[in-house]
Protein backbone atom coordinates (compact mmCIF):
# COMPACT_ATOMS: atom_id res chain seq x y z
CA UNK A 1 48.31 -53.93 -70.89
CA UNK A 2 49.03 -56.12 -73.85
CA UNK A 3 47.68 -59.01 -75.00
CA UNK A 4 50.38 -60.93 -74.06
CA UNK A 5 50.07 -59.95 -70.33
CA UNK A 6 46.43 -60.22 -70.50
CA UNK A 7 46.84 -63.93 -71.78
CA UNK A 8 49.48 -64.59 -68.97
CA UNK A 9 47.31 -63.12 -65.92
CA UNK A 10 44.24 -64.54 -66.96
CA UNK A 11 45.99 -68.50 -67.70
CA UNK A 12 47.67 -67.81 -63.99
CA UNK A 13 44.31 -67.00 -62.74
CA UNK A 14 42.71 -70.12 -64.35
CA UNK A 15 45.55 -72.18 -62.78
CA UNK A 16 45.20 -70.48 -59.00
CA UNK A 17 41.43 -71.17 -59.32
CA UNK A 18 41.71 -75.12 -60.09
CA UNK A 19 44.62 -75.53 -57.61
CA UNK A 20 42.58 -73.47 -54.70
CA UNK A 21 39.26 -75.49 -55.40
CA UNK A 22 40.97 -78.86 -55.77
CA UNK A 23 42.91 -78.18 -52.62
CA UNK A 24 39.52 -77.53 -50.88
CA UNK A 25 37.86 -80.27 -52.33
CA UNK A 26 40.82 -82.24 -50.63
CA UNK A 27 39.54 -81.39 -47.42
CA UNK A 28 41.75 -78.58 -45.97
CA UNK A 29 40.44 -75.51 -44.70
CA UNK A 30 39.36 -72.75 -46.85
CA UNK A 31 42.38 -70.31 -45.91
CA UNK A 32 44.87 -73.26 -46.77
CA UNK A 33 43.01 -73.50 -50.09
CA UNK A 34 43.38 -70.08 -51.03
CA UNK A 35 46.92 -69.80 -49.86
CA UNK A 36 47.73 -72.71 -52.39
CA UNK A 37 45.52 -70.99 -55.05
CA UNK A 38 47.86 -67.94 -54.54
CA UNK A 39 51.05 -69.71 -54.51
CA UNK A 40 49.84 -71.75 -57.88
CA UNK A 41 49.01 -68.64 -59.66
CA UNK A 42 52.31 -66.50 -58.60
CA UNK A 43 54.41 -69.70 -59.67
CA UNK A 44 52.86 -69.99 -62.71
CA UNK A 45 53.67 -66.82 -64.14
CA UNK A 46 57.44 -67.12 -64.95
CA UNK A 47 56.64 -70.75 -66.30
CA UNK A 48 54.00 -69.17 -68.53
CA UNK A 49 56.36 -66.20 -69.63
CA UNK A 50 58.80 -68.91 -70.62
CA UNK A 51 56.59 -71.00 -72.27
CA UNK A 52 54.25 -68.48 -74.30
CA UNK A 53 57.15 -66.08 -74.74
């Protein structure tokens, strides 16, 4: 794994954790918070690739 890939994936993981945590704190169920976090992490990968690369 290259450094570029590691940075993208770790940043996407951070974004997913933040989105999921804030969604859970907003009062939704844990399953909805996990889904929101996964969608946030997955959706951020192409954006991060275009911004960083």
